[in-house]
Amino acid sequence: NAEYMGYNVDPKIGNWADPAFKEQFANRVFRIIDEFAPNFSSSVIGRDILSPLDLERIFGLHKGNIFHGSLSLHQLGFARPAPGYSHYRSPLKGLYMCGSGTHPG
């Protein structure tokens, strides 16, 4: 699992819509892992390469972000998901919020 690759790739380098680019990227990741874990590549019996573009197209994740967006300071701790609602209670009686979008995330 390689996370945090950019959604916007310099067109001179390639793009996520190109299967050959995705394959080259995955091969590079495997080579780097092999440096620290020798023979890792030879131990893999299959792989499915999902780029940020694939994650967006298949699962509707904006720019392939599995955490549904990046957080800013005004969205952390007591202000997550919004100021006044970090204790899971919503403004609607009996409705509680849970999941990765709520504190502590």
N, C-alpha and C. Protein backbone atom coordinates (compact mmCIF):
# COMPACT_ATOMS: atom_id res chain seq x y z
N ASN A 1 0.84 -1.17 0.00
CA ASN A 1 0.00 0.00 0.00
C ASN A 1 0.88 1.23 0.00
N ALA A 2 0.88 1.97 -1.08
CA ALA A 2 1.62 3.23 -1.17
C ALA A 2 0.61 4.35 -1.14
N GLU A 3 0.68 5.16 -0.09
CA GLU A 3 -0.28 6.25 0.04
C GLU A 3 0.39 7.57 -0.29
N TYR A 4 -0.43 8.57 -0.46
CA TYR A 4 0.01 9.95 -0.60
C TYR A 4 0.77 10.24 -1.89
N MET A 5 0.42 9.58 -2.96
CA MET A 5 0.99 10.01 -4.23
C MET A 5 0.08 11.10 -4.78
N GLY A 6 0.68 12.02 -5.46
CA GLY A 6 -0.08 13.17 -5.94
C GLY A 6 -1.14 12.82 -6.96
N TYR A 7 -2.23 13.52 -6.89
CA TYR A 7 -3.31 13.34 -7.86
C TYR A 7 -2.92 13.99 -9.18
N ASN A 8 -2.37 15.21 -9.07
CA ASN A 8 -1.97 15.96 -10.26
C ASN A 8 -0.50 15.65 -10.56
N VAL A 9 -0.27 14.97 -11.65
CA VAL A 9 1.07 14.59 -12.06
C VAL A 9 1.48 15.49 -13.22
N ASP A 10 2.75 15.90 -13.21
CA ASP A 10 3.27 16.71 -14.31
C ASP A 10 3.08 15.93 -15.61
N PRO A 11 2.36 16.50 -16.58
CA PRO A 11 2.10 15.77 -17.84
C PRO A 11 3.37 15.33 -18.56
N LYS A 12 4.49 15.98 -18.30
CA LYS A 12 5.75 15.56 -18.92
C LYS A 12 6.22 14.22 -18.35
N ILE A 13 5.75 13.90 -17.16
CA ILE A 13 6.13 12.64 -16.51
C ILE A 13 5.16 11.52 -16.86
N GLY A 14 3.86 11.84 -16.86
CA GLY A 14 2.84 10.84 -17.16
C GLY A 14 1.51 11.26 -16.58
N ASN A 15 0.56 10.33 -16.59
CA ASN A 15 -0.74 10.60 -15.95
C ASN A 15 -1.36 9.28 -15.51
N TRP A 16 -2.22 9.40 -14.49
CA TRP A 16 -2.80 8.21 -13.88
C TRP A 16 -3.76 7.47 -14.80
N ALA A 17 -4.23 8.09 -15.85
CA ALA A 17 -5.13 7.41 -16.78
C ALA A 17 -4.38 6.41 -17.67
N ASP A 18 -3.07 6.51 -17.70
CA ASP A 18 -2.23 5.66 -18.54
C ASP A 18 -1.82 4.40 -17.77
N PRO A 19 -2.29 3.22 -18.17
CA PRO A 19 -1.94 1.98 -17.47
C PRO A 19 -0.43 1.74 -17.39
N ALA A 20 0.30 2.12 -18.42
CA ALA A 20 1.75 1.92 -18.41
C ALA A 20 2.41 2.79 -17.33
N PHE A 21 1.91 4.01 -17.15
CA PHE A 21 2.44 4.89 -16.11
C PHE A 21 2.19 4.30 -14.73
N LYS A 22 0.98 3.78 -14.52
CA LYS A 22 0.66 3.17 -13.23
C LYS A 22 1.57 1.97 -12.96
N GLU A 23 1.81 1.17 -13.98
CA GLU A 23 2.67 0.00 -13.84
C GLU A 23 4.10 0.42 -13.51
N GLN A 24 4.61 1.46 -14.20
CA GLN A 24 5.96 1.97 -13.92
C GLN A 24 6.05 2.49 -12.49
N PHE A 25 5.02 3.18 -12.04
CA PHE A 25 5.01 3.71 -10.68
C PHE A 25 5.06 2.57 -9.67
N ALA A 26 4.21 1.57 -9.86
CA ALA A 26 4.17 0.43 -8.95
C ALA A 26 5.51 -0.30 -8.94
N ASN A 27 6.11 -0.47 -10.11
CA ASN A 27 7.41 -1.13 -10.18
C ASN A 27 8.46 -0.36 -9.40
N ARG A 28 8.41 0.97 -9.49
CA ARG A 28 9.36 1.80 -8.74
C ARG A 28 9.15 1.63 -7.23
N VAL A 29 7.90 1.62 -6.80
CA VAL A 29 7.61 1.41 -5.38
C VAL A 29 8.17 0.06 -4.94
N PHE A 30 7.97 -0.97 -5.72
CA PHE A 30 8.46 -2.30 -5.38
C PHE A 30 9.99 -2.32 -5.30
N ARG A 31 10.66 -1.62 -6.24
CA ARG A 31 12.13 -1.57 -6.20
C ARG A 31 12.62 -0.91 -4.90
N ILE A 32 11.94 0.15 -4.49
CA ILE A 32 12.34 0.84 -3.26
C ILE A 32 12.11 -0.06 -2.05
N ILE A 33 10.98 -0.76 -2.02
CA ILE A 33 10.72 -1.68 -0.91
C ILE A 33 11.77 -2.79 -0.89
N ASP A 34 12.15 -3.29 -2.07
CA ASP A 34 13.16 -4.34 -2.15
C ASP A 34 14.50 -3.91 -1.55
N GLU A 35 14.80 -2.62 -1.59
CA GLU A 35 16.05 -2.12 -0.99
C GLU A 35 16.06 -2.36 0.51
N PHE A 36 14.90 -2.27 1.14
CA PHE A 36 14.80 -2.40 2.60
C PHE A 36 14.30 -3.77 3.03
N ALA A 37 13.62 -4.46 2.13
CA ALA A 37 13.11 -5.80 2.41
C ALA A 37 13.44 -6.68 1.20
N PRO A 38 14.68 -7.17 1.15
CA PRO A 38 15.11 -7.95 -0.02
C PRO A 38 14.14 -9.07 -0.37
N ASN A 39 13.94 -9.25 -1.65
CA ASN A 39 13.07 -10.30 -2.20
C ASN A 39 11.59 -10.05 -1.97
N PHE A 40 11.25 -8.85 -1.55
CA PHE A 40 9.83 -8.52 -1.37
C PHE A 40 9.06 -8.76 -2.67
N SER A 41 9.58 -8.20 -3.77
CA SER A 41 8.87 -8.31 -5.05
C SER A 41 8.61 -9.75 -5.45
N SER A 42 9.58 -10.61 -5.21
CA SER A 42 9.40 -12.01 -5.61
C SER A 42 8.40 -12.74 -4.71
N SER A 43 8.07 -12.16 -3.56
CA SER A 43 7.11 -12.81 -2.66
C SER A 43 5.66 -12.44 -2.98
N VAL A 44 5.47 -11.45 -3.84
CA VAL A 44 4.12 -10.99 -4.18
C VAL A 44 3.55 -11.90 -5.26
N ILE A 45 2.34 -12.42 -5.03
CA ILE A 45 1.74 -13.33 -6.01
C ILE A 45 0.69 -12.62 -6.88
N GLY A 46 0.37 -11.39 -6.56
CA GLY A 46 -0.57 -10.61 -7.37
C GLY A 46 -0.67 -9.20 -6.84
N ARG A 47 -1.11 -8.30 -7.68
CA ARG A 47 -1.28 -6.92 -7.23
C ARG A 47 -2.36 -6.25 -8.05
N ASP A 48 -3.00 -5.28 -7.44
CA ASP A 48 -4.02 -4.48 -8.10
C ASP A 48 -3.60 -3.03 -7.89
N ILE A 49 -3.32 -2.34 -8.95
CA ILE A 49 -2.81 -0.98 -8.85
C ILE A 49 -3.97 0.00 -8.99
N LEU A 50 -4.26 0.70 -7.90
CA LEU A 50 -5.31 1.71 -7.91
C LEU A 50 -4.67 3.08 -7.68
N SER A 51 -4.73 3.91 -8.68
CA SER A 51 -4.16 5.25 -8.58
C SER A 51 -5.16 6.18 -7.90
N PRO A 52 -4.73 7.39 -7.54
CA PRO A 52 -5.69 8.35 -7.00
C PRO A 52 -6.87 8.57 -7.96
N LEU A 53 -6.61 8.58 -9.25
CA LEU A 53 -7.68 8.74 -10.24
C LEU A 53 -8.65 7.56 -10.19
N ASP A 54 -8.12 6.35 -10.04
CA ASP A 54 -8.97 5.16 -9.92
C ASP A 54 -9.85 5.25 -8.68
N LEU A 55 -9.26 5.66 -7.56
CA LEU A 55 -10.03 5.77 -6.31
C LEU A 55 -11.15 6.80 -6.45
N GLU A 56 -10.87 7.85 -7.19
CA GLU A 56 -11.90 8.87 -7.42
C GLU A 56 -13.01 8.31 -8.32
N ARG A 57 -12.62 7.65 -9.38
CA ARG A 57 -13.61 7.12 -10.33
C ARG A 57 -14.44 5.97 -9.76
N ILE A 58 -13.79 5.06 -9.05
CA ILE A 58 -14.48 3.87 -8.55
C ILE A 58 -15.28 4.14 -7.28
N PHE A 59 -14.66 4.86 -6.34
CA PHE A 59 -15.27 5.03 -5.02
C PHE A 59 -15.78 6.44 -4.75
N GLY A 60 -15.57 7.36 -5.69
CA GLY A 60 -16.03 8.73 -5.50
C GLY A 60 -15.21 9.52 -4.50
N LEU A 61 -13.98 9.09 -4.23
CA LEU A 61 -13.11 9.79 -3.28
C LEU A 61 -12.45 10.97 -3.99
N HIS A 62 -12.75 12.16 -3.57
CA HIS A 62 -12.23 13.36 -4.22
C HIS A 62 -10.71 13.31 -4.31
N LYS A 63 -10.20 13.36 -5.53
CA LYS A 63 -8.77 13.29 -5.82
C LYS A 63 -8.11 12.05 -5.20
N GLY A 64 -8.91 11.01 -4.98
CA GLY A 64 -8.37 9.76 -4.47
C GLY A 64 -7.97 9.80 -3.01
N ASN A 65 -8.42 10.81 -2.28
CA ASN A 65 -8.04 10.96 -0.87
C ASN A 65 -8.90 10.02 -0.02
N ILE A 66 -8.26 8.98 0.55
CA ILE A 66 -9.01 8.00 1.32
C ILE A 66 -9.53 8.56 2.63
N PHE A 67 -9.04 9.72 3.03
CA PHE A 67 -9.49 10.36 4.27
C PHE A 67 -10.49 11.48 3.98
N HIS A 68 -11.07 11.47 2.81
CA HIS A 68 -12.07 12.42 2.31
C HIS A 68 -11.67 13.88 2.53
N GLY A 69 -10.41 14.19 2.31
CA GLY A 69 -9.93 15.57 2.37
C GLY A 69 -8.90 15.77 3.46
N SER A 70 -8.13 16.79 3.31
CA SER A 70 -7.10 17.12 4.29
C SER A 70 -7.67 18.04 5.35
N LEU A 71 -7.11 17.95 6.53
CA LEU A 71 -7.59 18.77 7.64
C LEU A 71 -6.77 20.05 7.76
N SER A 72 -7.44 21.08 8.22
CA SER A 72 -6.79 22.34 8.55
C SER A 72 -6.88 22.53 10.05
N LEU A 73 -6.16 23.50 10.59
CA LEU A 73 -6.17 23.72 12.04
C LEU A 73 -7.56 23.96 12.59
N HIS A 74 -8.42 24.63 11.82
CA HIS A 74 -9.76 24.92 12.33
C HIS A 74 -10.68 23.69 12.32
N GLN A 75 -10.15 22.53 11.92
CA GLN A 75 -10.94 21.31 11.89
C GLN A 75 -10.40 20.23 12.83
N LEU A 76 -9.49 20.58 13.71
CA LEU A 76 -8.87 19.60 14.59
C LEU A 76 -9.43 19.65 16.00
N GLY A 77 -9.29 18.55 16.72
CA GLY A 77 -9.65 18.48 18.13
C GLY A 77 -11.08 18.91 18.41
N PHE A 78 -11.24 19.91 19.26
CA PHE A 78 -12.57 20.35 19.69
C PHE A 78 -13.40 20.93 18.55
N ALA A 79 -12.78 21.25 17.44
CA ALA A 79 -13.50 21.85 16.32
C ALA A 79 -13.83 20.83 15.23
N ARG A 80 -13.63 19.54 15.52
CA ARG A 80 -13.90 18.53 14.50
C ARG A 80 -15.17 17.78 14.83
N PRO A 81 -16.12 17.65 13.97
CA PRO A 81 -16.12 18.11 12.58
C PRO A 81 -16.48 19.58 12.43
N ALA A 82 -17.05 20.17 13.48
CA ALA A 82 -17.36 21.60 13.47
C ALA A 82 -17.38 22.09 14.92
N PRO A 83 -17.05 23.35 15.15
CA PRO A 83 -17.05 23.84 16.53
C PRO A 83 -18.39 23.57 17.22
N GLY A 84 -18.30 23.04 18.44
CA GLY A 84 -19.50 22.74 19.22
C GLY A 84 -20.04 21.34 19.04
N TYR A 85 -19.47 20.57 18.12
CA TYR A 85 -20.00 19.23 17.85
C TYR A 85 -18.94 18.14 17.98
N SER A 86 -17.90 18.38 18.75
CA SER A 86 -16.83 17.39 18.87
C SER A 86 -17.17 16.27 19.85
N HIS A 87 -18.30 16.37 20.55
CA HIS A 87 -18.69 15.33 21.50
C HIS A 87 -19.71 14.37 20.91
N TYR A 88 -19.75 14.30 19.58
CA TYR A 88 -20.56 13.32 18.85
C TYR A 88 -22.05 13.66 18.75
N ARG A 89 -22.56 14.53 19.61
CA ARG A 89 -23.98 14.89 19.53
C ARG A 89 -24.17 15.89 18.39
N SER A 90 -25.22 15.72 17.66
CA SER A 90 -25.54 16.65 16.58
C SER A 90 -26.66 17.58 17.08
N PRO A 91 -27.00 18.59 16.31
CA PRO A 91 -28.10 19.46 16.71
C PRO A 91 -29.45 18.74 16.72
N LEU A 92 -29.54 17.58 16.09
CA LEU A 92 -30.78 16.82 16.05
C LEU A 92 -30.83 15.83 17.21
N LYS A 93 -31.87 15.88 17.99
CA LYS A 93 -32.00 15.01 19.16
C LYS A 93 -31.87 13.53 18.77
N GLY A 94 -30.97 12.84 19.47
CA GLY A 94 -30.78 11.41 19.24
C GLY A 94 -29.88 11.06 18.07
N LEU A 95 -29.37 12.07 17.36
CA LEU A 95 -28.47 11.79 16.23
C LEU A 95 -27.04 12.05 16.67
N TYR A 96 -26.22 11.01 16.62
CA TYR A 96 -24.83 11.11 17.01
C TYR A 96 -23.95 10.86 15.79
N MET A 97 -22.84 11.56 15.73
CA MET A 97 -21.91 11.42 14.61
C MET A 97 -20.77 10.50 14.99
N CYS A 98 -20.36 9.64 14.07
CA CYS A 98 -19.22 8.78 14.31
C CYS A 98 -18.53 8.51 12.99
N GLY A 99 -17.30 8.09 13.06
CA GLY A 99 -16.55 7.77 11.86
C GLY A 99 -15.30 8.63 11.74
N SER A 100 -14.60 8.46 10.62
CA SER A 100 -13.33 9.14 10.45
C SER A 100 -13.47 10.66 10.31
N GLY A 101 -14.67 11.16 10.05
CA GLY A 101 -14.88 12.60 9.91
C GLY A 101 -15.14 13.30 11.23
N THR A 102 -15.19 12.54 12.32
CA THR A 102 -15.47 13.15 13.62
C THR A 102 -14.26 13.00 14.54
N HIS A 103 -14.23 13.76 15.61
CA HIS A 103 -13.12 13.71 16.55
C HIS A 103 -13.14 12.37 17.27
N PRO A 104 -12.07 11.68 17.50
CA PRO A 104 -10.72 12.06 17.15
C PRO A 104 -10.32 11.64 15.74
N GLY A 105 -11.25 11.06 14.98
CA GLY A 105 -11.00 10.73 13.59
C GLY A 105 -10.34 9.47 13.40
